[in-house]
């Protein structure tokens, strides 16, 4: 009888994980979905770019070519003599008080952007990090103001500016006499922009780490110190995002400026000047193209200067973690 050594049990061999199959490239595959997204984006860009190029090319063409040929014909012979001119820009700047309207628009837009941002930042900090009775009810009321149409508030505010407000024979608000003044249009734009500003800034400030606030309180910092030293520097993306919204809204506004400021030459803004530039019968419409691009320069500078904060300010606070 022959003795054999026992055979040791085989070692446990881990089964290698299965490789996931490569992504499909079918109709609903990843590759075609990527191409579909790129093509869609390209079409959207073209839909916006082609009319803009047409307006830009028209603004540099002589009047007789604008009236007799399409703007695309300039691309066939771009270096032809007499095909381009800057006279439209000169005429636009010299016609209808356009330069004064540009300064008036700056005088309206800058305070109408700074005032709501300042008030909304204080209110957003209070809604986020201060405990007081009725905080959530007040926040809901502020957000509910977003659904109020702008047109419904024009007549009541205009009457308030002129006649004040009273209950019976008791005068509550005196005659403010703000119609036709810059202060009146500042307050109107600030009131219309505050609900959105408070909503955006509250979502952002509420997402800031609570440990920073607690550490500052332990060190004896007051609410104003926490707001000014910590919250404002950390909230630059949200502040910049709303600044872009409010600046572009006020700069391109026609209705509010016309109702509360009027269309007098000494107080008219760019949108009113552009409307008056064409004339009642639509003549000299080629000046409108050059004037439109002049009015677009400053908003483009503001947007591209703050656009790196734009997405960060809008998406912050949307997710936790």
C-alpha atoms as a PDB file:
ATOM      1  CA  UNK A   1       0.000   0.000   0.000  1.00  0.00           C
ATOM      2  CA  UNK A   2       1.519   3.256  -1.098  1.00  0.00           C
ATOM      3  CA  UNK A   3       0.887   6.390   0.917  1.00  0.00           C
ATOM      4  CA  UNK A   4       0.470   9.603  -0.992  1.00  0.00           C
ATOM      5  CA  UNK A   5       0.635  13.072   0.439  1.00  0.00           C
ATOM      6  CA  UNK A   6      -2.710  14.781   0.705  1.00  0.00           C
ATOM      7  CA  UNK A   7      -3.342  17.254  -2.005  1.00  0.00           C
ATOM      8  CA  UNK A   8      -3.866  20.733  -0.560  1.00  0.00           C
ATOM      9  CA  UNK A   9      -7.102  22.419  -1.520  1.00  0.00           C
ATOM     10  CA  UNK A  10      -6.733  24.792  -4.384  1.00  0.00           C
ATOM     11  CA  UNK A  11      -6.394  28.440  -3.494  1.00  0.00           C
ATOM     12  CA  UNK A  12      -9.395  30.640  -4.005  1.00  0.00           C
ATOM     13  CA  UNK A  13      -9.062  32.402  -7.256  1.00  0.00           C
ATOM     14  CA  UNK A  14     -11.119  35.566  -7.596  1.00  0.00           C
ATOM     15  CA  UNK A  15     -13.101  35.760 -10.732  1.00  0.00           C
ATOM     16  CA  UNK A  16     -12.013  38.798 -12.707  1.00  0.00           C
ATOM     17  CA  UNK A  17     -14.787  41.352 -13.142  1.00  0.00           C
ATOM     18  CA  UNK A  18     -16.512  41.341 -16.428  1.00  0.00           C
ATOM     19  CA  UNK A  19     -15.724  44.147 -18.708  1.00  0.00           C
ATOM     20  CA  UNK A  20     -18.651  46.337 -19.523  1.00  0.00           C
ATOM     21  CA  UNK A  21     -19.524  46.300 -23.175  1.00  0.00           C
ATOM     22  CA  UNK A  22     -18.401  49.278 -25.172  1.00  0.00           C
ATOM     23  CA  UNK A  23     -20.976  52.010 -25.627  1.00  0.00           C
ATOM     24  CA  UNK A  24     -23.246  51.440 -28.510  1.00  0.00           C
ATOM     25  CA  UNK A  25     -23.123  53.714 -31.471  1.00  0.00           C
ATOM     26  CA  UNK A  26     -26.613  52.980 -32.699  1.00  0.00           C
ATOM     27  CA  UNK A  27     -29.474  55.354 -33.128  1.00  0.00           C
ATOM     28  CA  UNK A  28     -29.606  56.139 -29.407  1.00  0.00           C
ATOM     29  CA  UNK A  29     -25.923  55.494 -28.766  1.00  0.00           C
ATOM     30  CA  UNK A  30     -23.503  57.804 -27.051  1.00  0.00           C
ATOM     31  CA  UNK A  31     -21.561  58.742 -30.148  1.00  0.00           C
ATOM     32  CA  UNK A  32     -24.578  59.721 -32.179  1.00  0.00           C
ATOM     33  CA  UNK A  33     -26.070  61.519 -29.184  1.00  0.00           C
ATOM     34  CA  UNK A  34     -22.864  63.538 -28.992  1.00  0.00           C
ATOM     35  CA  UNK A  35     -23.038  64.390 -32.690  1.00  0.00           C
ATOM     36  CA  UNK A  36     -26.720  65.259 -32.380  1.00  0.00           C
ATOM     37  CA  UNK A  37     -25.916  67.673 -29.535  1.00  0.00           C
ATOM     38  CA  UNK A  38     -23.110  69.298 -31.508  1.00  0.00           C
ATOM     39  CA  UNK A  39     -25.272  69.724 -34.593  1.00  0.00           C
ATOM     40  CA  UNK A  40     -28.099  71.214 -32.520  1.00  0.00           C
ATOM     41  CA  UNK A  41     -25.741  73.692 -30.872  1.00  0.00           C
ATOM     42  CA  UNK A  42     -24.291  74.609 -34.263  1.00  0.00           C
ATOM     43  CA  UNK A  43     -27.770  75.274 -35.674  1.00  0.00           C
ATOM     44  CA  UNK A  44     -28.697  77.443 -32.700  1.00  0.00           C
ATOM     45  CA  UNK A  45     -25.463  79.427 -33.071  1.00  0.00           C
ATOM     46  CA  UNK A  46     -26.132  79.954 -36.767  1.00  0.00           C
ATOM     47  CA  UNK A  47     -29.711  81.063 -36.126  1.00  0.00           C
ATOM     48  CA  UNK A  48     -28.392  83.780 -33.812  1.00  0.00           C
ATOM     49  CA  UNK A  49     -25.212  84.612 -35.725  1.00  0.00           C
ATOM     50  CA  UNK A  50     -26.561  85.059 -39.251  1.00  0.00           C
ATOM     51  CA  UNK A  51     -29.013  87.906 -38.440  1.00  0.00           C
ATOM     52  CA  UNK A  52     -26.374  89.563 -36.260  1.00  0.00           C
ATOM     53  CA  UNK A  53     -23.852  89.414 -39.094  1.00  0.00           C
ATOM     54  CA  UNK A  54     -26.459  90.865 -41.442  1.00  0.00           C
ATOM     55  CA  UNK A  55     -27.044  93.827 -39.139  1.00  0.00           C
ATOM     56  CA  UNK A  56     -23.305  94.344 -38.653  1.00  0.00           C
ATOM     57  CA  UNK A  57     -22.556  94.272 -42.388  1.00  0.00           C
ATOM     58  CA  UNK A  58     -25.476  96.606 -43.112  1.00  0.00           C
ATOM     59  CA  UNK A  59     -24.168  99.124 -40.577  1.00  0.00           C
ATOM     60  CA  UNK A  60     -20.960  99.531 -42.641  1.00  0.00           C
ATOM     61  CA  UNK A  61     -22.576  99.747 -46.114  1.00  0.00           C
ATOM     62  CA  UNK A  62     -23.434 102.940 -48.013  1.00  0.00           C
ATOM     63  CA  UNK A  63     -27.069 103.984 -48.210  1.00  0.00           C
ATOM     64  CA  UNK A  64     -27.516 103.293 -51.937  1.00  0.00           C
ATOM     65  CA  UNK A  65     -26.203  99.734 -51.557  1.00  0.00           C
ATOM     66  CA  UNK A  66     -28.387  99.085 -48.519  1.00  0.00           C
ATOM     67  CA  UNK A  67     -31.495 100.164 -50.453  1.00  0.00           C
ATOM     68  CA  UNK A  68     -30.732  98.248 -53.662  1.00  0.00           C
ATOM     69  CA  UNK A  69     -28.914  95.022 -52.662  1.00  0.00           C
ATOM     70  CA  UNK A  70     -28.979  92.488 -49.861  1.00  0.00           C
ATOM     71  CA  UNK A  71     -26.304  92.427 -47.178  1.00  0.00           C
ATOM     72  CA  UNK A  72     -25.010  89.029 -48.321  1.00  0.00           C
ATOM     73  CA  UNK A  73     -23.902  90.499 -51.654  1.00  0.00           C
ATOM     74  CA  UNK A  74     -21.110  92.295 -49.798  1.00  0.00           C
ATOM     75  CA  UNK A  75     -19.483  88.929 -49.063  1.00  0.00           C
ATOM     76  CA  UNK A  76     -19.022  88.189 -52.773  1.00  0.00           C
ATOM     77  CA  UNK A  77     -16.674  91.181 -53.251  1.00  0.00           C
ATOM     78  CA  UNK A  78     -15.556  92.200 -49.759  1.00  0.00           C
ATOM     79  CA  UNK A  79     -12.638  94.337 -50.989  1.00  0.00           C
ATOM     80  CA  UNK A  80     -14.509  96.271 -53.642  1.00  0.00           C
ATOM     81  CA  UNK A  81     -13.938 100.043 -53.541  1.00  0.00           C
ATOM     82  CA  UNK A  82     -16.854 101.976 -52.105  1.00  0.00           C
ATOM     83  CA  UNK A  83     -18.502  98.909 -50.558  1.00  0.00           C
ATOM     84  CA  UNK A  84     -17.850  99.984 -46.967  1.00  0.00           C
ATOM     85  CA  UNK A  85     -18.234 103.206 -44.997  1.00  0.00           C
ATOM     86  CA  UNK A  86     -18.350 104.480 -41.415  1.00  0.00           C
ATOM     87  CA  UNK A  87     -20.665 107.365 -42.278  1.00  0.00           C
ATOM     88  CA  UNK A  88     -23.639 105.546 -40.734  1.00  0.00           C
ATOM     89  CA  UNK A  89     -21.931 105.569 -37.335  1.00  0.00           C
ATOM     90  CA  UNK A  90     -21.101 109.261 -37.649  1.00  0.00           C
ATOM     91  CA  UNK A  91     -24.686 110.112 -38.572  1.00  0.00           C
ATOM     92  CA  UNK A  92     -26.064 107.989 -35.742  1.00  0.00           C
ATOM     93  CA  UNK A  93     -23.893 109.729 -33.162  1.00  0.00           C
ATOM     94  CA  UNK A  94     -24.828 113.172 -34.502  1.00  0.00           C
ATOM     95  CA  UNK A  95     -28.584 112.562 -34.860  1.00  0.00           C
ATOM     96  CA  UNK A  96     -31.350 112.759 -32.291  1.00  0.00           C
ATOM     97  CA  UNK A  97     -29.245 113.417 -29.174  1.00  0.00           C
ATOM     98  CA  UNK A  98     -27.786 109.916 -29.236  1.00  0.00           C
ATOM     99  CA  UNK A  99     -24.755 110.840 -27.153  1.00  0.00           C
ATOM    100  CA  UNK A 100     -26.895 112.422 -24.449  1.00  0.00           C
ATOM    101  CA  UNK A 101     -29.139 109.341 -24.453  1.00  0.00           C
ATOM    102  CA  UNK A 102     -26.081 107.140 -23.910  1.00  0.00           C
ATOM    103  CA  UNK A 103     -25.129 109.132 -20.805  1.00  0.00           C
ATOM    104  CA  UNK A 104     -28.730 109.073 -19.557  1.00  0.00           C
ATOM    105  CA  UNK A 105     -28.788 105.294 -19.927  1.00  0.00           C
ATOM    106  CA  UNK A 106     -25.638 105.020 -17.843  1.00  0.00           C
ATOM    107  CA  UNK A 107     -27.181 107.309 -15.221  1.00  0.00           C
ATOM    108  CA  UNK A 108     -30.225 105.017 -15.063  1.00  0.00           C
ATOM    109  CA  UNK A 109     -28.555 101.615 -15.348  1.00  0.00           C
ATOM    110  CA  UNK A 110     -25.732 101.844 -12.814  1.00  0.00           C
ATOM    111  CA  UNK A 111     -27.813 102.956  -9.785  1.00  0.00           C
ATOM    112  CA  UNK A 112     -30.714 100.687 -10.839  1.00  0.00           C
ATOM    113  CA  UNK A 113     -28.270  97.764 -10.702  1.00  0.00           C
ATOM    114  CA  UNK A 114     -26.418  98.672  -7.497  1.00  0.00           C
ATOM    115  CA  UNK A 115     -29.494  99.520  -5.388  1.00  0.00           C
ATOM    116  CA  UNK A 116     -31.341  96.165  -5.685  1.00  0.00           C
ATOM    117  CA  UNK A 117     -28.109  94.170  -5.296  1.00  0.00           C
ATOM    118  CA  UNK A 118     -27.286  95.988  -2.048  1.00  0.00           C
ATOM    119  CA  UNK A 119     -30.755  95.598  -0.549  1.00  0.00           C
ATOM    120  CA  UNK A 120     -31.119  91.989  -1.714  1.00  0.00           C
ATOM    121  CA  UNK A 121     -27.742  90.983  -0.239  1.00  0.00           C
ATOM    122  CA  UNK A 122     -28.754  92.192   3.231  1.00  0.00           C
ATOM    123  CA  UNK A 123     -32.186  90.540   2.910  1.00  0.00           C
ATOM    124  CA  UNK A 124     -30.705  87.249   1.663  1.00  0.00           C
ATOM    125  CA  UNK A 125     -28.330  87.065   4.636  1.00  0.00           C
ATOM    126  CA  UNK A 126     -31.219  87.704   7.024  1.00  0.00           C
ATOM    127  CA  UNK A 127     -33.362  84.999   5.434  1.00  0.00           C
ATOM    128  CA  UNK A 128     -30.448  82.544   5.478  1.00  0.00           C
ATOM    129  CA  UNK A 129     -28.652  82.972   8.805  1.00  0.00           C
ATOM    130  CA  UNK A 130     -30.819  85.058  11.133  1.00  0.00           C
ATOM    131  CA  UNK A 131     -33.650  83.630  13.223  1.00  0.00           C
ATOM    132  CA  UNK A 132     -36.731  85.823  13.509  1.00  0.00           C
ATOM    133  CA  UNK A 133     -40.437  85.256  13.576  1.00  0.00           C
ATOM    134  CA  UNK A 134     -42.147  85.000  10.206  1.00  0.00           C
ATOM    135  CA  UNK A 135     -38.938  84.477   8.253  1.00  0.00           C
ATOM    136  CA  UNK A 136     -40.263  81.718   5.998  1.00  0.00           C
ATOM    137  CA  UNK A 137     -43.607  83.451   5.425  1.00  0.00           C
ATOM    138  CA  UNK A 138     -41.850  86.647   4.372  1.00  0.00           C
ATOM    139  CA  UNK A 139     -39.553  84.723   2.035  1.00  0.00           C
ATOM    140  CA  UNK A 140     -42.512  82.999   0.391  1.00  0.00           C
ATOM    141  CA  UNK A 141     -44.217  86.375  -0.081  1.00  0.00           C
ATOM    142  CA  UNK A 142     -41.100  87.796  -1.708  1.00  0.00           C
ATOM    143  CA  UNK A 143     -40.794  84.835  -4.081  1.00  0.00           C
ATOM    144  CA  UNK A 144     -44.527  85.110  -4.881  1.00  0.00           C
ATOM    145  CA  UNK A 145     -43.877  88.621  -6.220  1.00  0.00           C
ATOM    146  CA  UNK A 146     -42.002  87.025  -9.130  1.00  0.00           C
ATOM    147  CA  UNK A 147     -45.324  86.067 -10.727  1.00  0.00           C
ATOM    148  CA  UNK A 148     -46.741  89.611 -10.601  1.00  0.00           C
ATOM    149  CA  UNK A 149     -46.733  91.034 -14.170  1.00  0.00           C
ATOM    150  CA  UNK A 150     -44.721  94.185 -14.585  1.00  0.00           C
ATOM    151  CA  UNK A 151     -47.470  95.892 -16.572  1.00  0.00           C
ATOM    152  CA  UNK A 152     -49.948  95.621 -13.683  1.00  0.00           C
ATOM    153  CA  UNK A 153     -47.729  97.727 -11.419  1.00  0.00           C
ATOM    154  CA  UNK A 154     -47.012 100.606 -13.803  1.00  0.00           C
ATOM    155  CA  UNK A 155     -50.218 102.598 -13.294  1.00  0.00           C
ATOM    156  CA  UNK A 156     -50.408 102.203  -9.472  1.00  0.00           C
ATOM    157  CA  UNK A 157     -46.757 103.225  -9.058  1.00  0.00           C
ATOM    158  CA  UNK A 158     -47.166 106.135 -11.453  1.00  0.00           C
ATOM    159  CA  UNK A 159     -50.198 107.410  -9.500  1.00  0.00           C
ATOM    160  CA  UNK A 160     -48.267 106.931  -6.262  1.00  0.00           C
ATOM    161  CA  UNK A 161     -45.450 109.070  -7.632  1.00  0.00           C
ATOM    162  CA  UNK A 162     -47.854 111.849  -8.599  1.00  0.00           C
ATOM    163  CA  UNK A 163     -50.684 111.803  -6.033  1.00  0.00           C
ATOM    164  CA  UNK A 164     -49.242 109.865  -3.097  1.00  0.00           C
ATOM    165  CA  UNK A 165     -51.581 107.573  -1.147  1.00  0.00           C
ATOM    166  CA  UNK A 166     -54.328 108.172   1.396  1.00  0.00           C
ATOM    167  CA  UNK A 167     -56.997 106.229   3.262  1.00  0.00           C
ATOM    168  CA  UNK A 168     -60.132 108.324   3.423  1.00  0.00           C
ATOM    169  CA  UNK A 169     -58.981 111.803   4.406  1.00  0.00           C
ATOM    170  CA  UNK A 170     -55.776 110.569   6.041  1.00  0.00           C
ATOM    171  CA  UNK A 171     -52.665 111.100   3.942  1.00  0.00           C
ATOM    172  CA  UNK A 172     -50.305 108.103   4.281  1.00  0.00           C
ATOM    173  CA  UNK A 173     -47.765 108.909   1.559  1.00  0.00           C
ATOM    174  CA  UNK A 174     -47.265 112.522   0.449  1.00  0.00           C
ATOM    175  CA  UNK A 175     -47.043 113.698  -3.137  1.00  0.00           C
ATOM    176  CA  UNK A 176     -43.642 112.381  -4.152  1.00  0.00           C
ATOM    177  CA  UNK A 177     -43.455 114.151  -7.538  1.00  0.00           C
ATOM    178  CA  UNK A 178     -41.062 111.510  -8.883  1.00  0.00           C
ATOM    179  CA  UNK A 179     -42.409 111.169 -12.413  1.00  0.00           C
ATOM    180  CA  UNK A 180     -39.856 112.368 -14.922  1.00  0.00           C
ATOM    181  CA  UNK A 181     -36.940 112.042 -12.482  1.00  0.00           C
ATOM    182  CA  UNK A 182     -34.059 109.600 -12.356  1.00  0.00           C
ATOM    183  CA  UNK A 183     -34.896 108.714  -8.749  1.00  0.00           C
ATOM    184  CA  UNK A 184     -38.335 107.541  -9.827  1.00  0.00           C
ATOM    185  CA  UNK A 185     -37.002 105.148 -12.466  1.00  0.00           C
ATOM    186  CA  UNK A 186     -34.266 103.930 -10.072  1.00  0.00           C
ATOM    187  CA  UNK A 187     -36.854 102.976  -7.464  1.00  0.00           C
ATOM    188  CA  UNK A 188     -39.094 101.352 -10.068  1.00  0.00           C
ATOM    189  CA  UNK A 189     -36.298  99.169 -11.460  1.00  0.00           C
ATOM    190  CA  UNK A 190     -35.112  98.330  -7.949  1.00  0.00           C
ATOM    191  CA  UNK A 191     -38.603  97.239  -6.908  1.00  0.00           C
ATOM    192  CA  UNK A 192     -39.091  95.097 -10.007  1.00  0.00           C
ATOM    193  CA  UNK A 193     -35.676  93.442  -9.630  1.00  0.00           C
ATOM    194  CA  UNK A 194     -35.670  92.773  -5.884  1.00  0.00           C
ATOM    195  CA  UNK A 195     -37.738  89.525  -5.833  1.00  0.00           C
ATOM    196  CA  UNK A 196     -35.446  87.732  -8.272  1.00  0.00           C
ATOM    197  CA  UNK A 197     -32.340  89.132  -6.577  1.00  0.00           C
ATOM    198  CA  UNK A 198     -33.442  88.002  -3.116  1.00  0.00           C
ATOM    199  CA  UNK A 199     -34.352  84.555  -4.428  1.00  0.00           C
ATOM    200  CA  UNK A 200     -31.010  83.987  -6.185  1.00  0.00           C
ATOM    201  CA  UNK A 201     -28.852  85.378  -3.391  1.00  0.00           C
ATOM    202  CA  UNK A 202     -30.733  83.525  -0.652  1.00  0.00           C
ATOM    203  CA  UNK A 203     -30.196  80.188  -2.392  1.00  0.00           C
ATOM    204  CA  UNK A 204     -26.501  80.944  -2.698  1.00  0.00           C
ATOM    205  CA  UNK A 205     -25.855  82.360   0.781  1.00  0.00           C
ATOM    206  CA  UNK A 206     -27.834  79.537   2.383  1.00  0.00           C
ATOM    207  CA  UNK A 207     -25.463  77.019   0.753  1.00  0.00           C
ATOM    208  CA  UNK A 208     -22.369  78.520   2.410  1.00  0.00           C
ATOM    209  CA  UNK A 209     -20.769  76.270   5.091  1.00  0.00           C
ATOM    210  CA  UNK A 210     -22.378  76.767   8.487  1.00  0.00           C
ATOM    211  CA  UNK A 211     -19.051  76.050  10.195  1.00  0.00           C
ATOM    212  CA  UNK A 212     -17.694  79.377   8.942  1.00  0.00           C
ATOM    213  CA  UNK A 213     -20.611  81.266  10.449  1.00  0.00           C
ATOM    214  CA  UNK A 214     -20.389  79.389  13.755  1.00  0.00           C
ATOM    215  CA  UNK A 215     -16.652  80.013  14.026  1.00  0.00           C
ATOM    216  CA  UNK A 216     -17.166  83.722  13.419  1.00  0.00           C
ATOM    217  CA  UNK A 217     -19.884  83.877  16.080  1.00  0.00           C
ATOM    218  CA  UNK A 218     -17.631  82.089  18.583  1.00  0.00           C
ATOM    219  CA  UNK A 219     -14.955  84.687  17.905  1.00  0.00           C
ATOM    220  CA  UNK A 220     -17.483  87.400  18.786  1.00  0.00           C
ATOM    221  CA  UNK A 221     -18.269  88.691  15.299  1.00  0.00           C
ATOM    222  CA  UNK A 222     -21.559  90.526  14.840  1.00  0.00           C
ATOM    223  CA  UNK A 223     -24.005  89.841  12.040  1.00  0.00           C
ATOM    224  CA  UNK A 224     -22.783  92.856  10.095  1.00  0.00           C
ATOM    225  CA  UNK A 225     -19.145  91.742  10.434  1.00  0.00           C
ATOM    226  CA  UNK A 226     -20.016  88.233   9.261  1.00  0.00           C
ATOM    227  CA  UNK A 227     -21.969  89.651   6.341  1.00  0.00           C
ATOM    228  CA  UNK A 228     -19.340  92.154   5.249  1.00  0.00           C
ATOM    229  CA  UNK A 229     -16.161  90.162   5.952  1.00  0.00           C
ATOM    230  CA  UNK A 230     -17.298  86.642   5.037  1.00  0.00           C
ATOM    231  CA  UNK A 231     -20.592  86.478   3.139  1.00  0.00           C
ATOM    232  CA  UNK A 232     -19.973  89.248   0.600  1.00  0.00           C
ATOM    233  CA  UNK A 233     -16.522  87.972  -0.537  1.00  0.00           C
ATOM    234  CA  UNK A 234     -17.856  84.414  -0.782  1.00  0.00           C
ATOM    235  CA  UNK A 235     -20.965  85.548  -2.695  1.00  0.00           C
ATOM    236  CA  UNK A 236     -19.189  87.294  -5.572  1.00  0.00           C
ATOM    237  CA  UNK A 237     -20.371  84.696  -8.175  1.00  0.00           C
ATOM    238  CA  UNK A 238     -24.036  85.148  -7.211  1.00  0.00           C
ATOM    239  CA  UNK A 239     -23.714  88.926  -7.054  1.00  0.00           C
ATOM    240  CA  UNK A 240     -22.079  88.991 -10.496  1.00  0.00           C
ATOM    241  CA  UNK A 241     -24.748  86.695 -11.959  1.00  0.00           C
ATOM    242  CA  UNK A 242     -27.564  88.966 -10.837  1.00  0.00           C
ATOM    243  CA  UNK A 243     -25.599  92.071 -11.863  1.00  0.00           C
ATOM    244  CA  UNK A 244     -25.536  90.728 -15.431  1.00  0.00           C
ATOM    245  CA  UNK A 245     -29.274  90.055 -15.357  1.00  0.00           C
ATOM    246  CA  UNK A 246     -30.190  93.446 -13.925  1.00  0.00           C
ATOM    247  CA  UNK A 247     -27.751  95.459 -16.031  1.00  0.00           C
ATOM    248  CA  UNK A 248     -28.939  93.932 -19.305  1.00  0.00           C
ATOM    249  CA  UNK A 249     -32.592  94.269 -18.281  1.00  0.00           C
ATOM    250  CA  UNK A 250     -32.314  97.962 -17.382  1.00  0.00           C
ATOM    251  CA  UNK A 251     -30.045  98.799 -20.333  1.00  0.00           C
ATOM    252  CA  UNK A 252     -32.486  97.294 -22.853  1.00  0.00           C
ATOM    253  CA  UNK A 253     -35.644  98.527 -21.122  1.00  0.00           C
ATOM    254  CA  UNK A 254     -38.033 100.782 -23.019  1.00  0.00           C
ATOM    255  CA  UNK A 255     -41.366 100.506 -21.178  1.00  0.00           C
ATOM    256  CA  UNK A 256     -40.323 101.431 -17.637  1.00  0.00           C
ATOM    257  CA  UNK A 257     -38.056 104.255 -18.797  1.00  0.00           C
ATOM    258  CA  UNK A 258     -40.750 105.692 -21.059  1.00  0.00           C
ATOM    259  CA  UNK A 259     -43.455 105.539 -18.353  1.00  0.00           C
ATOM    260  CA  UNK A 260     -41.471 106.955 -15.431  1.00  0.00           C
ATOM    261  CA  UNK A 261     -38.825 109.054 -17.178  1.00  0.00           C
ATOM    262  CA  UNK A 262     -40.554 110.212 -20.349  1.00  0.00           C
ATOM    263  CA  UNK A 263     -39.300 110.776 -23.867  1.00  0.00           C
ATOM    264  CA  UNK A 264     -38.042 114.353 -23.565  1.00  0.00           C
ATOM    265  CA  UNK A 265     -34.679 114.902 -25.305  1.00  0.00           C
ATOM    266  CA  UNK A 266     -32.940 115.832 -22.048  1.00  0.00           C
ATOM    267  CA  UNK A 267     -34.039 112.651 -20.236  1.00  0.00           C
ATOM    268  CA  UNK A 268     -34.522 110.028 -22.985  1.00  0.00           C
ATOM    269  CA  UNK A 269     -32.530 106.794 -22.826  1.00  0.00           C
ATOM    270  CA  UNK A 270     -30.958 104.768 -25.625  1.00  0.00           C
ATOM    271  CA  UNK A 271     -33.985 102.610 -26.362  1.00  0.00           C
ATOM    272  CA  UNK A 272     -36.170 105.691 -26.850  1.00  0.00           C
ATOM    273  CA  UNK A 273     -33.475 107.375 -28.953  1.00  0.00           C
ATOM    274  CA  UNK A 274     -33.249 104.261 -31.151  1.00  0.00           C
ATOM    275  CA  UNK A 275     -37.009 104.258 -31.624  1.00  0.00           C
ATOM    276  CA  UNK A 276     -36.937 107.932 -32.624  1.00  0.00           C
ATOM    277  CA  UNK A 277     -33.933 107.473 -34.894  1.00  0.00           C
ATOM    278  CA  UNK A 278     -35.803 105.663 -37.641  1.00  0.00           C
ATOM    279  CA  UNK A 279     -38.596 108.223 -37.941  1.00  0.00           C
ATOM    280  CA  UNK A 280     -42.335 107.908 -38.315  1.00  0.00           C
ATOM    281  CA  UNK A 281     -42.188 106.614 -41.898  1.00  0.00           C
ATOM    282  CA  UNK A 282     -39.260 104.196 -41.461  1.00  0.00           C
ATOM    283  CA  UNK A 283     -36.731 106.337 -43.282  1.00  0.00           C
ATOM    284  CA  UNK A 284     -33.008 106.229 -42.447  1.00  0.00           C
ATOM    285  CA  UNK A 285     -33.356 102.736 -41.072  1.00  0.00           C
ATOM    286  CA  UNK A 286     -29.736 101.989 -41.973  1.00  0.00           C
ATOM    287  CA  UNK A 287     -28.766 104.281 -39.073  1.00  0.00           C
ATOM    288  CA  UNK A 288     -30.579 101.933 -36.726  1.00  0.00           C
ATOM    289  CA  UNK A 289     -28.100  99.142 -37.423  1.00  0.00           C
ATOM    290  CA  UNK A 290     -25.062 101.238 -36.539  1.00  0.00           C
ATOM    291  CA  UNK A 291     -26.778 102.761 -33.506  1.00  0.00           C
ATOM    292  CA  UNK A 292     -27.777  99.290 -32.305  1.00  0.00           C
ATOM    293  CA  UNK A 293     -24.173  98.102 -32.360  1.00  0.00           C
ATOM    294  CA  UNK A 294     -23.040 101.213 -30.508  1.00  0.00           C
ATOM    295  CA  UNK A 295     -25.594 100.469 -27.806  1.00  0.00           C
ATOM    296  CA  UNK A 296     -24.432  96.825 -27.636  1.00  0.00           C
ATOM    297  CA  UNK A 297     -20.795  97.590 -26.831  1.00  0.00           C
ATOM    298  CA  UNK A 298     -21.119  98.239 -23.105  1.00  0.00           C
ATOM    299  CA  UNK A 299     -23.463  95.285 -22.358  1.00  0.00           C
ATOM    300  CA  UNK A 300     -21.056  92.966 -24.190  1.00  0.00           C
ATOM    301  CA  UNK A 301     -18.140  94.281 -22.135  1.00  0.00           C
ATOM    302  CA  UNK A 302     -20.086  93.768 -18.901  1.00  0.00           C
ATOM    303  CA  UNK A 303     -21.177  90.249 -19.859  1.00  0.00           C
ATOM    304  CA  UNK A 304     -17.756  88.993 -20.955  1.00  0.00           C
ATOM    305  CA  UNK A 305     -16.128  90.582 -17.903  1.00  0.00           C
ATOM    306  CA  UNK A 306     -18.449  88.747 -15.484  1.00  0.00           C
ATOM    307  CA  UNK A 307     -19.342  85.627 -17.476  1.00  0.00           C
ATOM    308  CA  UNK A 308     -16.881  83.418 -15.538  1.00  0.00           C
ATOM    309  CA  UNK A 309     -19.039  83.998 -12.458  1.00  0.00           C
ATOM    310  CA  UNK A 310     -22.324  83.599 -14.312  1.00  0.00           C
ATOM    311  CA  UNK A 311     -22.774  79.812 -14.283  1.00  0.00           C
ATOM    312  CA  UNK A 312     -21.264  79.456 -10.805  1.00  0.00           C
ATOM    313  CA  UNK A 313     -23.673  82.002  -9.419  1.00  0.00           C
ATOM    314  CA  UNK A 314     -26.739  80.390 -10.991  1.00  0.00           C
ATOM    315  CA  UNK A 315     -25.921  76.775 -10.122  1.00  0.00           C
ATOM    316  CA  UNK A 316     -24.610  77.299  -6.586  1.00  0.00           C
ATOM    317  CA  UNK A 317     -27.070  76.109  -3.983  1.00  0.00           C
ATOM    318  CA  UNK A 318     -28.948  73.904  -6.435  1.00  0.00           C
ATOM    319  CA  UNK A 319     -27.327  70.736  -5.025  1.00  0.00           C
ATOM    320  CA  UNK A 320     -25.991  69.864  -1.604  1.00  0.00           C
ATOM    321  CA  UNK A 321     -22.833  68.049  -0.683  1.00  0.00           C
END
